[in-house]
C-alpha atoms as a PDB file:
ATOM      1  CA  MET A   1      48.603  45.593  32.656  1.00  0.00           C
ATOM      2  CA  ASN A   2      47.009  46.057  29.217  1.00  0.00           C
ATOM      3  CA  ALA A   3      49.410  43.477  27.834  1.00  0.00           C
ATOM      4  CA  ILE A   4      48.219  40.997  30.451  1.00  0.00           C
ATOM      5  CA  PHE A   5      44.527  41.641  29.583  1.00  0.00           C
ATOM      6  CA  ARG A   6      45.296  41.199  25.874  1.00  0.00           C
ATOM      7  CA  LEU A   7      47.023  37.879  26.631  1.00  0.00           C
ATOM      8  CA  ILE A   8      44.070  36.659  28.719  1.00  0.00           C
ATOM      9  CA  ARG A   9      41.632  37.743  26.014  1.00  0.00           C
ATOM     10  CA  ARG A  10      43.636  35.922  23.307  1.00  0.00           C
ATOM     11  CA  CYS A  11      43.779  32.738  25.424  1.00  0.00           C
ATOM     12  CA  THR A  12      40.045  32.919  26.167  1.00  0.00           C
ATOM     13  CA  LEU A  13      39.142  33.381  22.514  1.00  0.00           C
ATOM     14  CA  ALA A  14      41.482  30.580  21.499  1.00  0.00           C
ATOM     15  CA  GLY A  15      39.896  28.257  24.051  1.00  0.00           C
ATOM     16  CA  LEU A  16      36.405  29.190  22.893  1.00  0.00           C
ATOM     17  CA  ALA A  17      37.338  28.571  19.257  1.00  0.00           C
ATOM     18  CA  ALA A  18      38.763  25.152  20.147  1.00  0.00           C
ATOM     19  CA  ALA A  19      35.611  24.256  22.063  1.00  0.00           C
ATOM     20  CA  LEU A  20      33.415  25.255  19.138  1.00  0.00           C
ATOM     21  CA  LEU A  21      35.496  23.198  16.737  1.00  0.00           C
ATOM     22  CA  ALA A  22      35.309  20.170  19.034  1.00  0.00           C
ATOM     23  CA  ALA A  23      31.526  20.426  19.538  1.00  0.00           C
ATOM     24  CA  PRO A  24      29.057  18.808  17.090  1.00  0.00           C
ATOM     25  CA  ALA A  25      27.488  21.040  14.476  1.00  0.00           C
ATOM     26  CA  TYR A  26      24.145  20.691  16.224  1.00  0.00           C
ATOM     27  CA  ALA A  27      22.679  18.950  19.228  1.00  0.00           C
ATOM     28  CA  GLN A  28      20.933  15.720  18.306  1.00  0.00           C
ATOM     29  CA  THR A  29      17.520  14.781  19.655  1.00  0.00           C
ATOM     30  CA  LYS A  30      17.708  11.385  21.359  1.00  0.00           C
ATOM     31  CA  LEU A  31      14.789   8.974  21.417  1.00  0.00           C
ATOM     32  CA  VAL A  32      13.914   5.314  21.865  1.00  0.00           C
ATOM     33  CA  VAL A  33      12.300   3.286  19.074  1.00  0.00           C
ATOM     34  CA  GLY A  34      10.834  -0.005  20.267  1.00  0.00           C
ATOM     35  CA  TYR A  35      10.693  -3.138  18.155  1.00  0.00           C
ATOM     36  CA  GLN A  36       9.734  -6.778  18.691  1.00  0.00           C
ATOM     37  CA  LEU A  37      10.741 -10.223  17.469  1.00  0.00           C
ATOM     38  CA  ILE A  38       8.944  -9.576  14.182  1.00  0.00           C
ATOM     39  CA  VAL A  39      10.639 -10.302  10.851  1.00  0.00           C
ATOM     40  CA  GLY A  40      10.751  -7.687   8.091  1.00  0.00           C
ATOM     41  CA  PRO A  41      12.962  -5.528   5.838  1.00  0.00           C
ATOM     42  CA  PHE A  42      12.911  -2.750   8.451  1.00  0.00           C
ATOM     43  CA  LEU A  43      15.184  -4.873  10.659  1.00  0.00           C
ATOM     44  CA  SER A  44      17.802  -5.022   7.916  1.00  0.00           C
ATOM     45  CA  ALA A  45      17.667  -1.227   7.649  1.00  0.00           C
ATOM     46  CA  ILE A  46      18.309  -0.987  11.390  1.00  0.00           C
ATOM     47  CA  ALA A  47      21.181  -3.476  11.240  1.00  0.00           C
ATOM     48  CA  ASP A  48      23.012  -1.932   8.269  1.00  0.00           C
ATOM     49  CA  GLY A  49      22.801   1.604   9.655  1.00  0.00           C
ATOM     50  CA  SER A  50      20.445   3.002   7.003  1.00  0.00           C
ATOM     51  CA  PHE A  51      18.103   4.415   9.634  1.00  0.00           C
ATOM     52  CA  ASP A  52      20.917   5.777  11.798  1.00  0.00           C
ATOM     53  CA  LYS A  53      22.568   7.622   8.901  1.00  0.00           C
ATOM     54  CA  ALA A  54      19.365   9.215   7.626  1.00  0.00           C
ATOM     55  CA  LEU A  55      18.194  10.157  11.107  1.00  0.00           C
ATOM     56  CA  LYS A  56      21.586  11.540  12.114  1.00  0.00           C
ATOM     57  CA  ASP A  57      21.482  13.805   9.079  1.00  0.00           C
ATOM     58  CA  ALA A  58      18.048  14.958  10.238  1.00  0.00           C
ATOM     59  CA  GLY A  59      19.356  15.629  13.770  1.00  0.00           C
ATOM     60  CA  TYR A  60      18.273  12.502  15.659  1.00  0.00           C
ATOM     61  CA  GLN A  61      20.002   9.720  17.560  1.00  0.00           C
ATOM     62  CA  VAL A  62      17.985   6.522  18.104  1.00  0.00           C
ATOM     63  CA  ASP A  63      18.271   3.930  20.853  1.00  0.00           C
ATOM     64  CA  TRP A  64      16.866   0.811  19.149  1.00  0.00           C
ATOM     65  CA  ARG A  65      15.306  -1.158  21.973  1.00  0.00           C
ATOM     66  CA  GLN A  66      13.888  -4.669  21.670  1.00  0.00           C
ATOM     67  CA  PHE A  67      10.770  -5.418  23.735  1.00  0.00           C
ATOM     68  CA  THR A  68       9.471  -8.894  24.537  1.00  0.00           C
ATOM     69  CA  SER A  69       5.841  -8.083  23.801  1.00  0.00           C
ATOM     70  CA  GLY A  70       3.464  -5.576  22.261  1.00  0.00           C
ATOM     71  CA  GLY A  71       2.010  -4.984  25.717  1.00  0.00           C
ATOM     72  CA  ASP A  72       5.370  -3.703  26.941  1.00  0.00           C
ATOM     73  CA  ILE A  73       5.672  -1.335  23.980  1.00  0.00           C
ATOM     74  CA  SER A  74       2.108  -0.091  24.542  1.00  0.00           C
ATOM     75  CA  THR A  75       2.965   0.671  28.181  1.00  0.00           C
ATOM     76  CA  ALA A  76       6.132   2.499  27.125  1.00  0.00           C
ATOM     77  CA  LEU A  77       4.183   4.529  24.553  1.00  0.00           C
ATOM     78  CA  ALA A  78       1.549   5.435  27.143  1.00  0.00           C
ATOM     79  CA  SER A  79       4.257   6.572  29.588  1.00  0.00           C
ATOM     80  CA  GLY A  80       5.873   8.809  26.982  1.00  0.00           C
ATOM     81  CA  ASN A  81       9.216   7.017  27.278  1.00  0.00           C
ATOM     82  CA  VAL A  82       8.999   5.579  23.753  1.00  0.00           C
ATOM     83  CA  PRO A  83       7.500   7.820  21.050  1.00  0.00           C
ATOM     84  CA  VAL A  84       7.812   5.281  18.186  1.00  0.00           C
ATOM     85  CA  GLY A  85       7.197   1.545  18.295  1.00  0.00           C
ATOM     86  CA  VAL A  86       6.226  -1.652  16.486  1.00  0.00           C
ATOM     87  CA  LEU A  87       2.827  -3.131  17.364  1.00  0.00           C
ATOM     88  CA  GLY A  88       0.452  -5.686  15.936  1.00  0.00           C
ATOM     89  CA  SER A  89      -3.004  -4.553  14.844  1.00  0.00           C
ATOM     90  CA  THR A  90      -4.645  -5.981  17.960  1.00  0.00           C
ATOM     91  CA  GLY A  91      -2.178  -4.263  20.251  1.00  0.00           C
ATOM     92  CA  ILE A  92      -2.756  -0.949  18.460  1.00  0.00           C
ATOM     93  CA  THR A  93      -6.519  -1.399  18.835  1.00  0.00           C
ATOM     94  CA  ALA A  94      -6.245  -2.098  22.548  1.00  0.00           C
ATOM     95  CA  ALA A  95      -3.840   0.795  23.211  1.00  0.00           C
ATOM     96  CA  ALA A  96      -5.867   3.306  21.182  1.00  0.00           C
ATOM     97  CA  THR A  97      -9.063   2.252  22.935  1.00  0.00           C
ATOM     98  CA  ARG A  98      -7.405   2.770  26.315  1.00  0.00           C
ATOM     99  CA  GLY A  99      -6.495   6.326  25.381  1.00  0.00           C
ATOM    100  CA  VAL A 100      -2.930   6.164  24.080  1.00  0.00           C
ATOM    101  CA  ASP A 101      -2.787   9.102  21.654  1.00  0.00           C
ATOM    102  CA  MET A 102      -0.863   7.542  18.783  1.00  0.00           C
ATOM    103  CA  GLU A 103      -1.033   7.192  15.008  1.00  0.00           C
ATOM    104  CA  LEU A 104      -0.334   4.210  12.792  1.00  0.00           C
ATOM    105  CA  PHE A 105       1.805   5.546   9.932  1.00  0.00           C
ATOM    106  CA  TRP A 106       3.293   2.454   8.268  1.00  0.00           C
ATOM    107  CA  ILE A 107       2.111  -1.123   7.662  1.00  0.00           C
ATOM    108  CA  LEU A 108       5.058  -3.450   8.210  1.00  0.00           C
ATOM    109  CA  ASP A 109       3.279  -6.510   6.890  1.00  0.00           C
ATOM    110  CA  ASN A 110       0.018  -8.284   6.239  1.00  0.00           C
ATOM    111  CA  ILE A 111       0.538 -11.260   8.538  1.00  0.00           C
ATOM    112  CA  GLY A 112      -1.033 -14.013   6.418  1.00  0.00           C
ATOM    113  CA  LYS A 113       0.681 -17.368   6.879  1.00  0.00           C
ATOM    114  CA  SER A 114       3.408 -16.009   9.126  1.00  0.00           C
ATOM    115  CA  GLU A 115       1.298 -16.551  12.242  1.00  0.00           C
ATOM    116  CA  ALA A 116      -0.031 -20.036  12.738  1.00  0.00           C
ATOM    117  CA  LEU A 117      -1.414 -22.585  15.155  1.00  0.00           C
ATOM    118  CA  VAL A 118       0.980 -25.503  15.520  1.00  0.00           C
ATOM    119  CA  ALA A 119       0.209 -28.798  17.294  1.00  0.00           C
ATOM    120  CA  ARG A 120       3.185 -30.558  18.900  1.00  0.00           C
ATOM    121  CA  ASN A 121       3.969 -34.056  17.677  1.00  0.00           C
ATOM    122  CA  GLY A 122       2.575 -36.531  20.191  1.00  0.00           C
ATOM    123  CA  SER A 123       0.033 -34.056  21.598  1.00  0.00           C
ATOM    124  CA  GLY A 124      -2.936 -35.947  20.172  1.00  0.00           C
ATOM    125  CA  ILE A 125      -4.033 -32.911  18.164  1.00  0.00           C
ATOM    126  CA  ASN A 126      -4.567 -33.759  14.513  1.00  0.00           C
ATOM    127  CA  SER A 127      -7.007 -30.954  13.690  1.00  0.00           C
ATOM    128  CA  THR A 128      -8.647 -27.963  15.350  1.00  0.00           C
ATOM    129  CA  ALA A 129     -11.447 -30.254  16.530  1.00  0.00           C
ATOM    130  CA  ASP A 130      -8.973 -31.838  18.965  1.00  0.00           C
ATOM    131  CA  LEU A 131      -8.156 -28.614  20.819  1.00  0.00           C
ATOM    132  CA  LYS A 132     -10.645 -29.111  23.672  1.00  0.00           C
ATOM    133  CA  GLY A 133      -8.873 -29.624  26.973  1.00  0.00           C
ATOM    134  CA  LYS A 134      -5.440 -28.969  25.440  1.00  0.00           C
ATOM    135  CA  ARG A 135      -2.757 -26.501  26.570  1.00  0.00           C
ATOM    136  CA  VAL A 136      -2.369 -23.810  23.896  1.00  0.00           C
ATOM    137  CA  ALA A 137       0.161 -20.993  24.369  1.00  0.00           C
ATOM    138  CA  THR A 138       0.113 -17.549  22.749  1.00  0.00           C
ATOM    139  CA  PRO A 139       1.215 -14.012  23.698  1.00  0.00           C
ATOM    140  CA  PHE A 140      -1.887 -12.328  25.127  1.00  0.00           C
ATOM    141  CA  VAL A 141      -3.338  -9.249  23.393  1.00  0.00           C
ATOM    142  CA  SER A 142      -1.238 -10.015  20.315  1.00  0.00           C
ATOM    143  CA  THR A 143      -2.474 -10.614  16.781  1.00  0.00           C
ATOM    144  CA  SER A 144      -1.862 -14.339  17.355  1.00  0.00           C
ATOM    145  CA  HIS A 145      -4.052 -14.277  20.470  1.00  0.00           C
ATOM    146  CA  PHE A 146      -6.749 -12.411  18.580  1.00  0.00           C
ATOM    147  CA  HIS A 147      -6.842 -14.887  15.696  1.00  0.00           C
ATOM    148  CA  LEU A 148      -6.724 -17.862  18.046  1.00  0.00           C
ATOM    149  CA  LEU A 149      -9.857 -16.554  19.780  1.00  0.00           C
ATOM    150  CA  VAL A 150     -11.523 -15.692  16.476  1.00  0.00           C
ATOM    151  CA  GLY A 151     -10.692 -19.142  15.128  1.00  0.00           C
ATOM    152  CA  LEU A 152     -12.086 -20.892  18.172  1.00  0.00           C
ATOM    153  CA  GLU A 153     -15.341 -18.948  18.395  1.00  0.00           C
ATOM    154  CA  GLN A 154     -16.171 -17.980  14.837  1.00  0.00           C
ATOM    155  CA  VAL A 155     -14.507 -20.585  12.645  1.00  0.00           C
ATOM    156  CA  TRP A 156     -14.172 -23.853  14.597  1.00  0.00           C
ATOM    157  CA  LYS A 157     -17.137 -23.228  16.941  1.00  0.00           C
ATOM    158  CA  ILE A 158     -15.218 -24.141  20.091  1.00  0.00           C
ATOM    159  CA  SER A 159     -15.641 -22.170  23.320  1.00  0.00           C
ATOM    160  CA  PRO A 160     -12.338 -20.657  24.482  1.00  0.00           C
ATOM    161  CA  ARG A 161     -13.297 -21.873  27.963  1.00  0.00           C
ATOM    162  CA  ASP A 162     -12.885 -25.436  26.726  1.00  0.00           C
ATOM    163  CA  VAL A 163      -9.225 -24.786  25.869  1.00  0.00           C
ATOM    164  CA  ARG A 164      -6.409 -24.056  28.341  1.00  0.00           C
ATOM    165  CA  ILE A 165      -5.034 -20.870  26.788  1.00  0.00           C
ATOM    166  CA  LEU A 166      -1.703 -19.864  28.347  1.00  0.00           C
ATOM    167  CA  ASN A 167      -0.048 -16.445  28.142  1.00  0.00           C
ATOM    168  CA  MET A 168       3.576 -16.892  26.978  1.00  0.00           C
ATOM    169  CA  GLN A 169       6.022 -14.752  25.029  1.00  0.00           C
ATOM    170  CA  PRO A 170       7.736 -16.337  21.976  1.00  0.00           C
ATOM    171  CA  PRO A 171      10.972 -17.402  23.747  1.00  0.00           C
ATOM    172  CA  GLN A 172       8.902 -18.927  26.570  1.00  0.00           C
ATOM    173  CA  ILE A 173       6.809 -20.816  24.027  1.00  0.00           C
ATOM    174  CA  VAL A 174       9.904 -22.415  22.478  1.00  0.00           C
ATOM    175  CA  ALA A 175      11.224 -23.442  25.889  1.00  0.00           C
ATOM    176  CA  ALA A 176       7.856 -24.840  27.038  1.00  0.00           C
ATOM    177  CA  TRP A 177       7.494 -26.679  23.701  1.00  0.00           C
ATOM    178  CA  GLN A 178      10.857 -28.355  24.115  1.00  0.00           C
ATOM    179  CA  ARG A 179       9.969 -29.433  27.672  1.00  0.00           C
ATOM    180  CA  GLY A 180       6.620 -30.819  26.526  1.00  0.00           C
ATOM    181  CA  ASP A 181       4.691 -28.433  28.800  1.00  0.00           C
ATOM    182  CA  ILE A 182       2.283 -27.305  26.065  1.00  0.00           C
ATOM    183  CA  ASP A 183       0.303 -29.127  23.379  1.00  0.00           C
ATOM    184  CA  ALA A 184       0.042 -26.337  20.809  1.00  0.00           C
ATOM    185  CA  ALA A 185       0.948 -22.714  20.224  1.00  0.00           C
ATOM    186  CA  TYR A 186      -0.180 -19.794  18.076  1.00  0.00           C
ATOM    187  CA  VAL A 187       2.825 -17.558  17.333  1.00  0.00           C
ATOM    188  CA  TRP A 188       5.060 -15.948  14.674  1.00  0.00           C
ATOM    189  CA  PRO A 189       8.670 -16.477  13.467  1.00  0.00           C
ATOM    190  CA  PRO A 190      11.298 -17.150  14.605  1.00  0.00           C
ATOM    191  CA  ALA A 191       9.445 -19.079  17.333  1.00  0.00           C
ATOM    192  CA  LEU A 192       6.934 -20.422  14.781  1.00  0.00           C
ATOM    193  CA  THR A 193       9.698 -21.687  12.513  1.00  0.00           C
ATOM    194  CA  GLU A 194      11.396 -23.484  15.410  1.00  0.00           C
ATOM    195  CA  ILE A 195       8.366 -25.256  16.866  1.00  0.00           C
ATOM    196  CA  ALA A 196       7.005 -26.219  13.424  1.00  0.00           C
ATOM    197  CA  LYS A 197      10.038 -28.511  13.041  1.00  0.00           C
ATOM    198  CA  THR A 198       8.504 -30.887  15.578  1.00  0.00           C
ATOM    199  CA  GLY A 199       4.855 -30.071  15.039  1.00  0.00           C
ATOM    200  CA  LYS A 200       2.040 -29.753  12.543  1.00  0.00           C
ATOM    201  CA  ILE A 201       0.454 -26.488  11.392  1.00  0.00           C
ATOM    202  CA  ILE A 202      -3.289 -26.917  11.695  1.00  0.00           C
ATOM    203  CA  ALA A 203      -4.417 -23.326  10.971  1.00  0.00           C
ATOM    204  CA  ASP A 204      -2.933 -19.950  10.070  1.00  0.00           C
ATOM    205  CA  SER A 205      -3.883 -16.277  10.001  1.00  0.00           C
ATOM    206  CA  GLU A 206      -4.422 -16.227   6.255  1.00  0.00           C
ATOM    207  CA  GLN A 207      -7.239 -18.773   6.632  1.00  0.00           C
ATOM    208  CA  ILE A 208      -8.730 -17.147   9.720  1.00  0.00           C
ATOM    209  CA  GLY A 209      -8.371 -13.638   8.274  1.00  0.00           C
ATOM    210  CA  ALA A 210     -10.239 -14.667   5.117  1.00  0.00           C
ATOM    211  CA  ALA A 211     -13.101 -15.889   7.321  1.00  0.00           C
ATOM    212  CA  SER A 212     -13.088 -12.843   9.626  1.00  0.00           C
ATOM    213  CA  VAL A 213     -10.666  -9.885   9.575  1.00  0.00           C
ATOM    214  CA  PRO A 214      -6.965  -9.769   8.593  1.00  0.00           C
ATOM    215  CA  THR A 215      -4.214  -8.928  11.053  1.00  0.00           C
ATOM    216  CA  PHE A 216      -1.080  -6.908  10.435  1.00  0.00           C
ATOM    217  CA  ASP A 217       1.989  -5.380  12.086  1.00  0.00           C
ATOM    218  CA  GLY A 218       2.635  -1.661  11.962  1.00  0.00           C
ATOM    219  CA  ILE A 219       4.678   1.229  13.293  1.00  0.00           C
ATOM    220  CA  VAL A 220       2.971   3.822  15.472  1.00  0.00           C
ATOM    221  CA  VAL A 221       4.074   7.216  16.765  1.00  0.00           C
ATOM    222  CA  ASP A 222       2.929   9.485  19.556  1.00  0.00           C
ATOM    223  CA  ARG A 223       0.743  12.031  17.756  1.00  0.00           C
ATOM    224  CA  ALA A 224       2.049  15.146  19.534  1.00  0.00           C
ATOM    225  CA  TRP A 225       5.669  14.017  19.181  1.00  0.00           C
ATOM    226  CA  ALA A 226       5.234  13.418  15.440  1.00  0.00           C
ATOM    227  CA  ALA A 227       3.782  16.911  14.968  1.00  0.00           C
ATOM    228  CA  LYS A 228       6.829  18.432  16.674  1.00  0.00           C
ATOM    229  CA  ASN A 229       9.346  16.294  14.761  1.00  0.00           C
ATOM    230  CA  PRO A 230       8.473  16.405  11.039  1.00  0.00           C
ATOM    231  CA  LYS A 231      12.109  15.917   9.978  1.00  0.00           C
ATOM    232  CA  PHE A 232      12.301  12.648  11.873  1.00  0.00           C
ATOM    233  CA  MET A 233       9.035  11.403  10.393  1.00  0.00           C
ATOM    234  CA  ALA A 234      10.122  12.245   6.837  1.00  0.00           C
ATOM    235  CA  ALA A 235      13.554  10.616   7.201  1.00  0.00           C
ATOM    236  CA  PHE A 236      12.222   7.547   9.008  1.00  0.00           C
ATOM    237  CA  THR A 237       9.435   6.869   6.518  1.00  0.00           C
ATOM    238  CA  SER A 238      11.790   7.412   3.575  1.00  0.00           C
ATOM    239  CA  VAL A 239      14.104   4.658   4.862  1.00  0.00           C
ATOM    240  CA  LEU A 240      11.124   2.368   5.408  1.00  0.00           C
ATOM    241  CA  ALA A 241       9.951   2.893   1.837  1.00  0.00           C
ATOM    242  CA  LYS A 242      13.427   2.238   0.419  1.00  0.00           C
ATOM    243  CA  SER A 243      14.010  -0.923   2.488  1.00  0.00           C
ATOM    244  CA  TYR A 244      10.673  -2.432   1.481  1.00  0.00           C
ATOM    245  CA  ALA A 245      11.149  -1.532  -2.182  1.00  0.00           C
ATOM    246  CA  ASP A 246      14.584  -3.157  -2.068  1.00  0.00           C
ATOM    247  CA  TYR A 247      13.184  -6.395  -0.697  1.00  0.00           C
ATOM    248  CA  ARG A 248      10.421  -6.561  -3.289  1.00  0.00           C
ATOM    249  CA  ALA A 249      12.878  -5.901  -6.115  1.00  0.00           C
ATOM    250  CA  ASN A 250      15.692  -8.117  -4.848  1.00  0.00           C
ATOM    251  CA  SER A 251      14.132 -10.757  -2.572  1.00  0.00           C
ATOM    252  CA  ALA A 252      15.948 -13.528  -4.449  1.00  0.00           C
ATOM    253  CA  LYS A 253      19.228 -11.999  -3.290  1.00  0.00           C
ATOM    254  CA  TRP A 254      18.152 -12.084   0.369  1.00  0.00           C
ATOM    255  CA  THR A 255      19.721 -15.491   0.951  1.00  0.00           C
ATOM    256  CA  ALA A 256      20.945 -17.090   4.164  1.00  0.00           C
ATOM    257  CA  ASP A 257      24.462 -15.718   3.637  1.00  0.00           C
ATOM    258  CA  SER A 258      23.387 -12.241   2.479  1.00  0.00           C
ATOM    259  CA  PRO A 259      24.182  -9.191   4.650  1.00  0.00           C
ATOM    260  CA  GLN A 260      20.451  -8.377   4.886  1.00  0.00           C
ATOM    261  CA  ILE A 261      19.543 -11.722   6.459  1.00  0.00           C
ATOM    262  CA  LYS A 262      22.649 -11.741   8.652  1.00  0.00           C
ATOM    263  CA  GLY A 263      21.604  -8.322   9.936  1.00  0.00           C
ATOM    264  CA  ILE A 264      18.118  -9.548  10.847  1.00  0.00           C
ATOM    265  CA  VAL A 265      19.551 -12.580  12.687  1.00  0.00           C
ATOM    266  CA  LYS A 266      21.952 -10.327  14.594  1.00  0.00           C
ATOM    267  CA  LEU A 267      19.025  -8.292  15.894  1.00  0.00           C
ATOM    268  CA  ILE A 268      16.450 -10.965  16.766  1.00  0.00           C
ATOM    269  CA  GLY A 269      18.288 -14.293  16.657  1.00  0.00           C
ATOM    270  CA  GLY A 270      17.213 -17.438  14.834  1.00  0.00           C
ATOM    271  CA  LYS A 271      18.798 -19.245  11.914  1.00  0.00           C
ATOM    272  CA  PRO A 272      19.493 -17.448   8.620  1.00  0.00           C
ATOM    273  CA  GLU A 273      17.695 -20.049   6.506  1.00  0.00           C
ATOM    274  CA  ASP A 274      14.651 -19.766   8.774  1.00  0.00           C
ATOM    275  CA  MET A 275      14.579 -15.981   8.332  1.00  0.00           C
ATOM    276  CA  VAL A 276      14.552 -16.377   4.545  1.00  0.00           C
ATOM    277  CA  GLU A 277      11.493 -18.632   4.767  1.00  0.00           C
ATOM    278  CA  ALA A 278       9.784 -16.432   7.369  1.00  0.00           C
ATOM    279  CA  LEU A 279       9.971 -13.396   5.064  1.00  0.00           C
ATOM    280  CA  LYS A 280       8.279 -15.379   2.299  1.00  0.00           C
ATOM    281  CA  LEU A 281       5.241 -15.943   4.531  1.00  0.00           C
ATOM    282  CA  LEU A 282       4.531 -12.228   4.848  1.00  0.00           C
ATOM    283  CA  VAL A 283       2.929  -9.777   2.417  1.00  0.00           C
ATOM    284  CA  PHE A 284       4.618  -6.360   2.281  1.00  0.00           C
ATOM    285  CA  PRO A 285       2.442  -3.511   0.934  1.00  0.00           C
ATOM    286  CA  THR A 286       3.987  -1.059  -1.534  1.00  0.00           C
ATOM    287  CA  VAL A 287       4.210   2.602  -0.577  1.00  0.00           C
ATOM    288  CA  GLN A 288       1.331   3.247  -3.009  1.00  0.00           C
ATOM    289  CA  GLU A 289      -0.810   0.641  -1.222  1.00  0.00           C
ATOM    290  CA  GLN A 290       0.201   2.136   2.128  1.00  0.00           C
ATOM    291  CA  ALA A 291      -1.080   5.568   1.085  1.00  0.00           C
ATOM    292  CA  SER A 292      -4.292   4.252  -0.496  1.00  0.00           C
ATOM    293  CA  ASN A 293      -7.514   3.270   1.238  1.00  0.00           C
ATOM    294  CA  VAL A 294      -6.332  -0.346   1.083  1.00  0.00           C
ATOM    295  CA  TRP A 295      -4.401   0.501   4.260  1.00  0.00           C
ATOM    296  CA  LEU A 296      -3.868   4.032   5.595  1.00  0.00           C
ATOM    297  CA  GLY A 297      -5.870   6.346   3.301  1.00  0.00           C
ATOM    298  CA  GLY A 298      -9.606   6.937   3.299  1.00  0.00           C
ATOM    299  CA  GLY A 299     -10.245   7.942   6.903  1.00  0.00           C
ATOM    300  CA  LYS A 300     -12.840   5.751   8.562  1.00  0.00           C
ATOM    301  CA  GLU A 301     -13.001   3.569   5.447  1.00  0.00           C
ATOM    302  CA  SER A 302      -9.274   2.836   5.403  1.00  0.00           C
ATOM    303  CA  GLY A 303      -8.331  -0.813   5.638  1.00  0.00           C
ATOM    304  CA  ALA A 304      -6.488  -0.219   8.896  1.00  0.00           C
ATOM    305  CA  ALA A 305      -9.354   1.684  10.576  1.00  0.00           C
ATOM    306  CA  ARG A 306     -11.855  -0.985   9.543  1.00  0.00           C
ATOM    307  CA  ALA A 307      -9.554  -3.724  10.882  1.00  0.00           C
ATOM    308  CA  PHE A 308      -9.248  -1.860  14.191  1.00  0.00           C
ATOM    309  CA  ALA A 309     -13.029  -1.532  14.458  1.00  0.00           C
ATOM    310  CA  ALA A 310     -13.523  -5.258  13.854  1.00  0.00           C
ATOM    311  CA  SER A 311     -10.728  -6.133  16.282  1.00  0.00           C
ATOM    312  CA  ALA A 312     -12.207  -3.843  18.942  1.00  0.00           C
ATOM    313  CA  LYS A 313     -15.620  -5.471  18.702  1.00  0.00           C
ATOM    314  CA  PHE A 314     -14.129  -8.879  19.242  1.00  0.00           C
ATOM    315  CA  LEU A 315     -11.794  -7.728  22.027  1.00  0.00           C
ATOM    316  CA  LYS A 316     -14.774  -6.156  23.800  1.00  0.00           C
ATOM    317  CA  ASP A 317     -16.774  -9.374  23.468  1.00  0.00           C
ATOM    318  CA  GLN A 318     -13.802 -11.209  24.974  1.00  0.00           C
ATOM    319  CA  LYS A 319     -13.604  -8.608  27.791  1.00  0.00           C
ATOM    320  CA  GLN A 320     -10.064  -7.686  26.745  1.00  0.00           C
ATOM    321  CA  ILE A 321     -11.200  -4.029  26.536  1.00  0.00           C
ATOM    322  CA  ASP A 322     -14.134  -2.294  28.245  1.00  0.00           C
ATOM    323  CA  ARG A 323     -15.462  -0.501  25.177  1.00  0.00           C
ATOM    324  CA  ALA A 324     -14.870   0.067  21.487  1.00  0.00           C
ATOM    325  CA  LEU A 325     -14.318   3.492  19.932  1.00  0.00           C
ATOM    326  CA  ALA A 326     -16.911   4.740  17.451  1.00  0.00           C
ATOM    327  CA  ASP A 327     -14.165   5.678  14.989  1.00  0.00           C
ATOM    328  CA  TYR A 328     -10.530   4.533  14.838  1.00  0.00           C
ATOM    329  CA  SER A 329      -9.503   6.752  11.925  1.00  0.00           C
ATOM    330  CA  PRO A 330      -7.913   9.388  14.227  1.00  0.00           C
ATOM    331  CA  HIS A 331      -5.339   6.696  15.006  1.00  0.00           C
ATOM    332  CA  VAL A 332      -4.439   6.152  11.341  1.00  0.00           C
ATOM    333  CA  THR A 333      -2.571   8.593   9.103  1.00  0.00           C
ATOM    334  CA  ASP A 334      -1.513   8.392   5.454  1.00  0.00           C
ATOM    335  CA  LYS A 335       0.390  11.705   5.650  1.00  0.00           C
ATOM    336  CA  TYR A 336       3.886  10.231   5.828  1.00  0.00           C
ATOM    337  CA  ALA A 337       3.304   7.412   3.344  1.00  0.00           C
ATOM    338  CA  ARG A 338       1.977   9.952   0.839  1.00  0.00           C
ATOM    339  CA  ALA A 339       5.114  12.052   1.306  1.00  0.00           C
ATOM    340  CA  ALA A 340       7.331   8.988   0.817  1.00  0.00           C
ATOM    341  CA  GLU A 341       5.377   8.085  -2.317  1.00  0.00           C
ATOM    342  CA  LYS A 342       6.467  11.302  -4.085  1.00  0.00           C
END
């Protein structure tokens, strides 16, 4: 009988040892990171596995999920289903005002010329003065929508009520453009690059931003989730810093046939040569600029917090939000950029 028990014990221990050898060294935390059809070096770092490798080493497995709009990502953030996501400055303002407890921790780009108002050839629009009565498409509550409204009211002195502003996502804009259903559109690449081939750019966000407030794209994180996952935040921000530094140092090598551009096209579509040109339209802050009061540092006086405050005032005037917060600095943090700077 003792021999039988010893045999069972040996078999049990052998099975347990085999199971332990087959199991991963540690359980990985799984999460969703949401991104949009927005061009930038971060997409290349997703495509080439840089993020996945660094995050795996830190104990995380990411489901990279593409969303059609900032509004969808905001909803996912509010529900708790997506702790990290890409949003434009207007979308961040709206979400923060509505109570989504998140922090902006990285500026993906200063939008500049990469968002523009394009008039379709044959539409009869030769300048912004011709916009009255025309059909103009843009994704609502996006940075493009914000600057279209700012341009109309503050720069060109045209009432938005005199323009037929239509809510369309970038792929819908391209399709409607090709059918001739719209006269103009305010949008970003790759949709902007496509429609500009048969249209004329009559204004852009660099011009409007200089006359009002700049717009930008950023990455936000659920505040409580970030506090509980410092290893993720450190690894994620480190990859961001490296990918942006690589582009600034080697942008000439990011050609249409380069692996970086091919990776971006694989994720969001478009033509490689168009992606090269789209990147040139954006301004990418250095990690030092990220951490400074130009963008994330300085509390209430940070560039990002001041941009949110200005955006909120305009969104409230346009009845896009019910109220504006007195201070948007709780939704901006330089903590992770400062760590990546070291």
